[in-house]
Amino acid sequence: DQVKILDFQENWLKKNFYLIANKTNVLSSQA
């Protein structure tokens, strides 16, 4: 309650998250 959270007006200020793997790797069954 001691801070305030403000949005940015720049709509490009975002962070994209990805699940990645090596293209040559064959994933295990658990992966």
PDB file of all heavy atoms in Angstrom:
ATOM      1  N   ASP A   1       0.819  -1.207   0.000  1.00  0.00           N
ATOM      2  CA  ASP A   1       0.000   0.000   0.000  1.00  0.00           C
ATOM      3  C   ASP A   1       0.856   1.262   0.000  1.00  0.00           C
ATOM      4  O   ASP A   1       0.338   2.382   0.075  1.00  0.00           O
ATOM      5  CB  ASP A   1      -0.952   0.009   1.199  1.00  0.00           C
ATOM      6  CG  ASP A   1      -0.227  -0.103   2.536  1.00  0.00           C
ATOM      7  OD1 ASP A   1       1.029  -0.099   2.548  1.00  0.00           O
ATOM      8  OD2 ASP A   1      -0.905  -0.202   3.573  1.00  0.00           O
ATOM      9  N   GLN A   2       2.175   1.091  -0.104  1.00  0.00           N
ATOM     10  CA  GLN A   2       3.091   2.229  -0.107  1.00  0.00           C
ATOM     11  C   GLN A   2       3.556   2.610  -1.510  1.00  0.00           C
ATOM     12  O   GLN A   2       4.300   3.573  -1.666  1.00  0.00           O
ATOM     13  CB  GLN A   2       4.312   1.927   0.767  1.00  0.00           C
ATOM     14  CG  GLN A   2       3.974   1.734   2.245  1.00  0.00           C
ATOM     15  CD  GLN A   2       5.210   1.393   3.064  1.00  0.00           C
ATOM     16  OE1 GLN A   2       5.626   0.234   3.141  1.00  0.00           O
ATOM     17  NE2 GLN A   2       5.792   2.404   3.654  1.00  0.00           N
ATOM     18  N   VAL A   3       3.120   1.844  -2.519  1.00  0.00           N
ATOM     19  CA  VAL A   3       3.509   2.154  -3.886  1.00  0.00           C
ATOM     20  C   VAL A   3       2.280   2.214  -4.790  1.00  0.00           C
ATOM     21  O   VAL A   3       1.213   1.693  -4.449  1.00  0.00           O
ATOM     22  CB  VAL A   3       4.505   1.117  -4.453  1.00  0.00           C
ATOM     23  CG1 VAL A   3       5.765   1.055  -3.612  1.00  0.00           C
ATOM     24  CG2 VAL A   3       3.860  -0.257  -4.570  1.00  0.00           C
ATOM     25  N   LYS A   4       2.478   2.819  -5.952  1.00  0.00           N
ATOM     26  CA  LYS A   4       1.446   2.831  -6.989  1.00  0.00           C
ATOM     27  C   LYS A   4       2.068   2.285  -8.271  1.00  0.00           C
ATOM     28  O   LYS A   4       3.217   2.590  -8.594  1.00  0.00           O
ATOM     29  CB  LYS A   4       0.921   4.241  -7.221  1.00  0.00           C
ATOM     30  CG  LYS A   4      -0.222   4.291  -8.240  1.00  0.00           C
ATOM     31  CD  LYS A   4      -0.816   5.688  -8.361  1.00  0.00           C
ATOM     32  CE  LYS A   4      -1.963   5.699  -9.381  1.00  0.00           C
ATOM     33  NZ  LYS A   4      -2.568   7.053  -9.510  1.00  0.00           N
ATOM     34  N   ILE A   5       1.293   1.494  -8.983  1.00  0.00           N
ATOM     35  CA  ILE A   5       1.757   0.887 -10.227  1.00  0.00           C
ATOM     36  C   ILE A   5       1.146   1.647 -11.397  1.00  0.00           C
ATOM     37  O   ILE A   5      -0.076   1.788 -11.482  1.00  0.00           O
ATOM     38  CB  ILE A   5       1.372  -0.605 -10.301  1.00  0.00           C
ATOM     39  CG1 ILE A   5       1.773  -1.341  -9.015  1.00  0.00           C
ATOM     40  CG2 ILE A   5       2.002  -1.242 -11.523  1.00  0.00           C
ATOM     41  CD1 ILE A   5       3.242  -1.287  -8.699  1.00  0.00           C
ATOM     42  N   LEU A   6       2.000   2.139 -12.283  1.00  0.00           N
ATOM     43  CA  LEU A   6       1.556   2.936 -13.428  1.00  0.00           C
ATOM     44  C   LEU A   6       1.861   2.211 -14.738  1.00  0.00           C
ATOM     45  O   LEU A   6       2.952   1.665 -14.914  1.00  0.00           O
ATOM     46  CB  LEU A   6       2.256   4.299 -13.431  1.00  0.00           C
ATOM     47  CG  LEU A   6       2.081   5.165 -12.177  1.00  0.00           C
ATOM     48  CD1 LEU A   6       2.970   6.397 -12.258  1.00  0.00           C
ATOM     49  CD2 LEU A   6       0.622   5.573 -12.015  1.00  0.00           C
ATOM     50  N   ASP A   7       0.901   2.230 -15.654  1.00  0.00           N
ATOM     51  CA  ASP A   7       1.117   1.667 -16.980  1.00  0.00           C
ATOM     52  C   ASP A   7       1.905   2.655 -17.835  1.00  0.00           C
ATOM     53  O   ASP A   7       1.845   3.875 -17.627  1.00  0.00           O
ATOM     54  CB  ASP A   7      -0.217   1.367 -17.663  1.00  0.00           C
ATOM     55  CG  ASP A   7      -0.988   0.265 -16.972  1.00  0.00           C
ATOM     56  OD1 ASP A   7      -0.345  -0.702 -16.524  1.00  0.00           O
ATOM     57  OD2 ASP A   7      -2.222   0.383 -16.863  1.00  0.00           O
ATOM     58  N   PHE A   8       2.634   2.116 -18.823  1.00  0.00           N
ATOM     59  CA  PHE A   8       3.315   2.966 -19.788  1.00  0.00           C
ATOM     60  C   PHE A   8       2.384   3.270 -20.958  1.00  0.00           C
ATOM     61  O   PHE A   8       1.614   2.407 -21.393  1.00  0.00           O
ATOM     62  CB  PHE A   8       4.586   2.283 -20.309  1.00  0.00           C
ATOM     63  CG  PHE A   8       5.759   2.391 -19.387  1.00  0.00           C
ATOM     64  CD1 PHE A   8       6.147   1.306 -18.609  1.00  0.00           C
ATOM     65  CD2 PHE A   8       6.470   3.579 -19.294  1.00  0.00           C
ATOM     66  CE1 PHE A   8       7.232   1.400 -17.745  1.00  0.00           C
ATOM     67  CE2 PHE A   8       7.554   3.684 -18.431  1.00  0.00           C
ATOM     68  CZ  PHE A   8       7.940   2.592 -17.655  1.00  0.00           C
ATOM     69  N   GLN A   9       2.481   4.491 -21.465  1.00  0.00           N
ATOM     70  CA  GLN A   9       1.665   4.877 -22.609  1.00  0.00           C
ATOM     71  C   GLN A   9       2.195   4.286 -23.909  1.00  0.00           C
ATOM     72  O   GLN A   9       1.447   4.122 -24.873  1.00  0.00           O
ATOM     73  CB  GLN A   9       1.613   6.407 -22.696  1.00  0.00           C
ATOM     74  CG  GLN A   9       0.892   7.049 -21.518  1.00  0.00           C
ATOM     75  CD  GLN A   9       1.080   8.552 -21.451  1.00  0.00           C
ATOM     76  OE1 GLN A   9       1.548   9.175 -22.414  1.00  0.00           O
ATOM     77  NE2 GLN A   9       0.735   9.143 -20.316  1.00  0.00           N
ATOM     78  N   GLU A  10       3.488   3.961 -23.929  1.00  0.00           N
ATOM     79  CA  GLU A  10       4.069   3.327 -25.114  1.00  0.00           C
ATOM     80  C   GLU A  10       3.596   1.874 -25.189  1.00  0.00           C
ATOM     81  O   GLU A  10       3.967   1.047 -24.359  1.00  0.00           O
ATOM     82  CB  GLU A  10       5.605   3.368 -25.046  1.00  0.00           C
ATOM     83  CG  GLU A  10       6.195   4.758 -25.228  1.00  0.00           C
ATOM     84  CD  GLU A  10       6.281   5.550 -23.930  1.00  0.00           C
ATOM     85  OE1 GLU A  10       5.748   5.084 -22.903  1.00  0.00           O
ATOM     86  OE2 GLU A  10       6.866   6.633 -23.932  1.00  0.00           O
ATOM     87  N   ASN A  11       2.768   1.575 -26.180  1.00  0.00           N
ATOM     88  CA  ASN A  11       2.184   0.225 -26.249  1.00  0.00           C
ATOM     89  C   ASN A  11       3.175  -0.846 -26.657  1.00  0.00           C
ATOM     90  O   ASN A  11       2.849  -2.028 -26.650  1.00  0.00           O
ATOM     91  CB  ASN A  11       0.966   0.210 -27.178  1.00  0.00           C
ATOM     92  CG  ASN A  11       1.294   0.659 -28.595  1.00  0.00           C
ATOM     93  OD1 ASN A  11       2.469   0.733 -28.967  1.00  0.00           O
ATOM     94  ND2 ASN A  11       0.272   0.965 -29.381  1.00  0.00           N
ATOM     95  N   TRP A  12       4.403  -0.464 -27.045  1.00  0.00           N
ATOM     96  CA  TRP A  12       5.405  -1.456 -27.419  1.00  0.00           C
ATOM     97  C   TRP A  12       6.250  -1.891 -26.223  1.00  0.00           C
ATOM     98  O   TRP A  12       7.087  -2.782 -26.353  1.00  0.00           O
ATOM     99  CB  TRP A  12       6.317  -0.910 -28.518  1.00  0.00           C
ATOM    100  CG  TRP A  12       6.924   0.436 -28.203  1.00  0.00           C
ATOM    101  CD1 TRP A  12       6.422   1.651 -28.530  1.00  0.00           C
ATOM    102  CD2 TRP A  12       8.136   0.681 -27.492  1.00  0.00           C
ATOM    103  NE1 TRP A  12       7.239   2.654 -28.070  1.00  0.00           N
ATOM    104  CE2 TRP A  12       8.308   2.080 -27.433  1.00  0.00           C
ATOM    105  CE3 TRP A  12       9.099  -0.135 -26.908  1.00  0.00           C
ATOM    106  CZ2 TRP A  12       9.396   2.681 -26.799  1.00  0.00           C
ATOM    107  CZ3 TRP A  12      10.186   0.464 -26.284  1.00  0.00           C
ATOM    108  CH2 TRP A  12      10.322   1.856 -26.233  1.00  0.00           C
ATOM    109  N   LEU A  13       6.017  -1.286 -25.082  1.00  0.00           N
ATOM    110  CA  LEU A  13       6.774  -1.661 -23.887  1.00  0.00           C
ATOM    111  C   LEU A  13       6.199  -2.940 -23.300  1.00  0.00           C
ATOM    112  O   LEU A  13       5.508  -2.936 -22.279  1.00  0.00           O
ATOM    113  CB  LEU A  13       6.762  -0.529 -22.858  1.00  0.00           C
ATOM    114  CG  LEU A  13       7.825   0.541 -23.065  1.00  0.00           C
ATOM    115  CD1 LEU A  13       7.622   1.708 -22.113  1.00  0.00           C
ATOM    116  CD2 LEU A  13       9.217  -0.042 -22.853  1.00  0.00           C
ATOM    117  N   LYS A  14       6.461  -4.027 -23.986  1.00  0.00           N
ATOM    118  CA  LYS A  14       5.958  -5.329 -23.599  1.00  0.00           C
ATOM    119  C   LYS A  14       7.087  -6.342 -23.681  1.00  0.00           C
ATOM    120  O   LYS A  14       8.104  -6.101 -24.320  1.00  0.00           O
ATOM    121  CB  LYS A  14       4.802  -5.771 -24.507  1.00  0.00           C
ATOM    122  CG  LYS A  14       3.595  -4.838 -24.493  1.00  0.00           C
ATOM    123  CD  LYS A  14       2.546  -5.309 -25.481  1.00  0.00           C
ATOM    124  CE  LYS A  14       1.368  -4.341 -25.540  1.00  0.00           C
ATOM    125  NZ  LYS A  14       0.614  -4.326 -24.285  1.00  0.00           N
ATOM    126  N   LYS A  15       6.878  -7.469 -23.052  1.00  0.00           N
ATOM    127  CA  LYS A  15       7.879  -8.525 -23.057  1.00  0.00           C
ATOM    128  C   LYS A  15       7.200  -9.826 -23.483  1.00  0.00           C
ATOM    129  O   LYS A  15       6.237 -10.267 -22.844  1.00  0.00           O
ATOM    130  CB  LYS A  15       8.498  -8.673 -21.671  1.00  0.00           C
ATOM    131  CG  LYS A  15       9.750  -9.530 -21.602  1.00  0.00           C
ATOM    132  CD  LYS A  15      10.376  -9.409 -20.220  1.00  0.00           C
ATOM    133  CE  LYS A  15      11.711 -10.115 -20.138  1.00  0.00           C
ATOM    134  NZ  LYS A  15      12.350  -9.953 -18.803  1.00  0.00           N
ATOM    135  N   ASN A  16       7.687 -10.418 -24.569  1.00  0.00           N
ATOM    136  CA  ASN A  16       7.144 -11.685 -25.061  1.00  0.00           C
ATOM    137  C   ASN A  16       7.944 -12.851 -24.499  1.00  0.00           C
ATOM    138  O   ASN A  16       9.175 -12.819 -24.503  1.00  0.00           O
ATOM    139  CB  ASN A  16       7.198 -11.723 -26.587  1.00  0.00           C
ATOM    140  CG  ASN A  16       6.259 -10.714 -27.218  1.00  0.00           C
ATOM    141  OD1 ASN A  16       5.078 -10.695 -26.923  1.00  0.00           O
ATOM    142  ND2 ASN A  16       6.795  -9.864 -28.079  1.00  0.00           N
ATOM    143  N   PHE A  17       7.251 -13.858 -24.037  1.00  0.00           N
ATOM    144  CA  PHE A  17       7.900 -15.044 -23.484  1.00  0.00           C
ATOM    145  C   PHE A  17       7.647 -16.238 -24.394  1.00  0.00           C
ATOM    146  O   PHE A  17       6.535 -16.442 -24.892  1.00  0.00           O
ATOM    147  CB  PHE A  17       7.382 -15.342 -22.078  1.00  0.00           C
ATOM    148  CG  PHE A  17       7.796 -14.322 -21.061  1.00  0.00           C
ATOM    149  CD1 PHE A  17       6.988 -13.231 -20.781  1.00  0.00           C
ATOM    150  CD2 PHE A  17       8.999 -14.443 -20.383  1.00  0.00           C
ATOM    151  CE1 PHE A  17       7.376 -12.278 -19.858  1.00  0.00           C
ATOM    152  CE2 PHE A  17       9.394 -13.503 -19.446  1.00  0.00           C
ATOM    153  CZ  PHE A  17       8.585 -12.411 -19.183  1.00  0.00           C
ATOM    154  N   TYR A  18       8.699 -17.047 -24.577  1.00  0.00           N
ATOM    155  CA  TYR A  18       8.636 -18.181 -25.495  1.00  0.00           C
ATOM    156  C   TYR A  18       9.169 -19.445 -24.825  1.00  0.00           C
ATOM    157  O   TYR A  18      10.086 -19.388 -23.994  1.00  0.00           O
ATOM    158  CB  TYR A  18       9.479 -17.916 -26.742  1.00  0.00           C
ATOM    159  CG  TYR A  18       9.085 -16.689 -27.524  1.00  0.00           C
ATOM    160  CD1 TYR A  18       9.608 -15.445 -27.191  1.00  0.00           C
ATOM    161  CD2 TYR A  18       8.192 -16.770 -28.588  1.00  0.00           C
ATOM    162  CE1 TYR A  18       9.261 -14.304 -27.913  1.00  0.00           C
ATOM    163  CE2 TYR A  18       7.836 -15.643 -29.317  1.00  0.00           C
ATOM    164  CZ  TYR A  18       8.373 -14.409 -28.970  1.00  0.00           C
ATOM    165  OH  TYR A  18       8.023 -13.290 -29.685  1.00  0.00           O
ATOM    166  N   LEU A  19       8.599 -20.555 -25.223  1.00  0.00           N
ATOM    167  CA  LEU A  19       9.153 -21.864 -24.870  1.00  0.00           C
ATOM    168  C   LEU A  19      10.029 -22.277 -26.044  1.00  0.00           C
ATOM    169  O   LEU A  19       9.558 -22.362 -27.182  1.00  0.00           O
ATOM    170  CB  LEU A  19       8.035 -22.880 -24.660  1.00  0.00           C
ATOM    171  CG  LEU A  19       8.447 -24.293 -24.253  1.00  0.00           C
ATOM    172  CD1 LEU A  19       9.099 -24.288 -22.881  1.00  0.00           C
ATOM    173  CD2 LEU A  19       7.244 -25.230 -24.267  1.00  0.00           C
ATOM    174  N   ILE A  20      11.317 -22.515 -25.785  1.00  0.00           N
ATOM    175  CA  ILE A  20      12.249 -22.757 -26.887  1.00  0.00           C
ATOM    176  C   ILE A  20      12.973 -24.095 -26.733  1.00  0.00           C
ATOM    177  O   ILE A  20      13.068 -24.650 -25.641  1.00  0.00           O
ATOM    178  CB  ILE A  20      13.290 -21.628 -27.017  1.00  0.00           C
ATOM    179  CG1 ILE A  20      14.229 -21.602 -25.799  1.00  0.00           C
ATOM    180  CG2 ILE A  20      12.606 -20.283 -27.204  1.00  0.00           C
ATOM    181  CD1 ILE A  20      15.412 -20.664 -25.955  1.00  0.00           C
ATOM    182  N   ALA A  21      13.490 -24.569 -27.864  1.00  0.00           N
ATOM    183  CA  ALA A  21      14.296 -25.793 -27.907  1.00  0.00           C
ATOM    184  C   ALA A  21      15.222 -25.698 -29.112  1.00  0.00           C
ATOM    185  O   ALA A  21      14.995 -24.886 -30.015  1.00  0.00           O
ATOM    186  CB  ALA A  21      13.412 -27.025 -28.014  1.00  0.00           C
ATOM    187  N   ASN A  22      16.247 -26.506 -29.124  1.00  0.00           N
ATOM    188  CA  ASN A  22      17.141 -26.568 -30.273  1.00  0.00           C
ATOM    189  C   ASN A  22      16.432 -27.285 -31.421  1.00  0.00           C
ATOM    190  O   ASN A  22      15.824 -28.336 -31.219  1.00  0.00           O
ATOM    191  CB  ASN A  22      18.432 -27.307 -29.899  1.00  0.00           C
ATOM    192  CG  ASN A  22      19.487 -27.202 -30.982  1.00  0.00           C
ATOM    193  OD1 ASN A  22      19.293 -27.643 -32.108  1.00  0.00           O
ATOM    194  ND2 ASN A  22      20.615 -26.621 -30.636  1.00  0.00           N
ATOM    195  N   LYS A  23      16.522 -26.721 -32.615  1.00  0.00           N
ATOM    196  CA  LYS A  23      15.806 -27.298 -33.761  1.00  0.00           C
ATOM    197  C   LYS A  23      16.286 -28.695 -34.118  1.00  0.00           C
ATOM    198  O   LYS A  23      15.537 -29.495 -34.679  1.00  0.00           O
ATOM    199  CB  LYS A  23      15.945 -26.377 -34.979  1.00  0.00           C
ATOM    200  CG  LYS A  23      14.947 -25.236 -35.007  1.00  0.00           C
ATOM    201  CD  LYS A  23      14.952 -24.538 -36.351  1.00  0.00           C
ATOM    202  CE  LYS A  23      13.798 -23.550 -36.429  1.00  0.00           C
ATOM    203  NZ  LYS A  23      13.740 -22.846 -37.727  1.00  0.00           N
ATOM    204  N   THR A  24      17.540 -28.995 -33.798  1.00  0.00           N
ATOM    205  CA  THR A  24      18.084 -30.300 -34.170  1.00  0.00           C
ATOM    206  C   THR A  24      17.857 -31.360 -33.097  1.00  0.00           C
ATOM    207  O   THR A  24      18.123 -32.540 -33.329  1.00  0.00           O
ATOM    208  CB  THR A  24      19.600 -30.207 -34.441  1.00  0.00           C
ATOM    209  OG1 THR A  24      20.284 -29.880 -33.220  1.00  0.00           O
ATOM    210  CG2 THR A  24      19.893 -29.141 -35.482  1.00  0.00           C
ATOM    211  N   ASN A  25      17.384 -30.935 -31.944  1.00  0.00           N
ATOM    212  CA  ASN A  25      17.264 -31.867 -30.827  1.00  0.00           C
ATOM    213  C   ASN A  25      15.942 -32.635 -30.896  1.00  0.00           C
ATOM    214  O   ASN A  25      14.896 -32.063 -31.206  1.00  0.00           O
ATOM    215  CB  ASN A  25      17.343 -31.114 -29.498  1.00  0.00           C
ATOM    216  CG  ASN A  25      17.528 -32.048 -28.318  1.00  0.00           C
ATOM    217  OD1 ASN A  25      18.010 -33.163 -28.474  1.00  0.00           O
ATOM    218  ND2 ASN A  25      17.144 -31.599 -27.146  1.00  0.00           N
ATOM    219  N   VAL A  26      16.000 -33.908 -30.608  1.00  0.00           N
ATOM    220  CA  VAL A  26      14.792 -34.731 -30.498  1.00  0.00           C
ATOM    221  C   VAL A  26      14.415 -34.782 -29.027  1.00  0.00           C
ATOM    222  O   VAL A  26      15.162 -35.303 -28.200  1.00  0.00           O
ATOM    223  CB  VAL A  26      15.029 -36.152 -31.039  1.00  0.00           C
ATOM    224  CG1 VAL A  26      13.761 -36.981 -30.911  1.00  0.00           C
ATOM    225  CG2 VAL A  26      15.487 -36.094 -32.480  1.00  0.00           C
ATOM    226  N   LEU A  27      13.281 -34.214 -28.693  1.00  0.00           N
ATOM    227  CA  LEU A  27      12.892 -34.101 -27.294  1.00  0.00           C
ATOM    228  C   LEU A  27      12.556 -35.452 -26.684  1.00  0.00           C
ATOM    229  O   LEU A  27      11.999 -36.337 -27.333  1.00  0.00           O
ATOM    230  CB  LEU A  27      11.686 -33.172 -27.160  1.00  0.00           C
ATOM    231  CG  LEU A  27      11.888 -31.710 -27.584  1.00  0.00           C
ATOM    232  CD1 LEU A  27      10.610 -30.923 -27.375  1.00  0.00           C
ATOM    233  CD2 LEU A  27      13.039 -31.071 -26.825  1.00  0.00           C
ATOM    234  N   SER A  28      12.904 -35.602 -25.415  1.00  0.00           N
ATOM    235  CA  SER A  28      12.542 -36.806 -24.673  1.00  0.00           C
ATOM    236  C   SER A  28      11.035 -36.837 -24.458  1.00  0.00           C
ATOM    237  O   SER A  28      10.336 -35.835 -24.636  1.00  0.00           O
ATOM    238  CB  SER A  28      13.264 -36.820 -23.322  1.00  0.00           C
ATOM    239  OG  SER A  28      12.817 -35.738 -22.517  1.00  0.00           O
ATOM    240  N   SER A  29      10.517 -37.984 -24.053  1.00  0.00           N
ATOM    241  CA  SER A  29       9.074 -38.111 -23.848  1.00  0.00           C
ATOM    242  C   SER A  29       8.597 -37.167 -22.753  1.00  0.00           C
ATOM    243  O   SER A  29       7.523 -36.567 -22.855  1.00  0.00           O
ATOM    244  CB  SER A  29       8.721 -39.559 -23.495  1.00  0.00           C
ATOM    245  OG  SER A  29       9.441 -39.994 -22.359  1.00  0.00           O
ATOM    246  N   GLN A  30       9.395 -36.994 -21.679  1.00  0.00           N
ATOM    247  CA  GLN A  30       8.973 -36.108 -20.604  1.00  0.00           C
ATOM    248  C   GLN A  30       8.999 -34.637 -21.032  1.00  0.00           C
ATOM    249  O   GLN A  30       8.145 -33.841 -20.613  1.00  0.00           O
ATOM    250  CB  GLN A  30       9.813 -36.311 -19.336  1.00  0.00           C
ATOM    251  CG  GLN A  30      11.313 -36.170 -19.506  1.00  0.00           C
ATOM    252  CD  GLN A  30      11.979 -37.506 -19.755  1.00  0.00           C
ATOM    253  OE1 GLN A  30      11.377 -38.413 -20.337  1.00  0.00           O
ATOM    254  NE2 GLN A  30      13.222 -37.646 -19.326  1.00  0.00           N
ATOM    255  N   ALA A  31       9.949 -34.273 -21.900  1.00  0.00           N
ATOM    256  CA  ALA A  31       9.995 -32.905 -22.415  1.00  0.00           C
ATOM    257  C   ALA A  31       8.797 -32.632 -23.320  1.00  0.00           C
ATOM    258  O   ALA A  31       8.209 -31.544 -23.295  1.00  0.00           O
ATOM    259  CB  ALA A  31      11.297 -32.663 -23.168  1.00  0.00           C
TER     260      ALA A  31
END
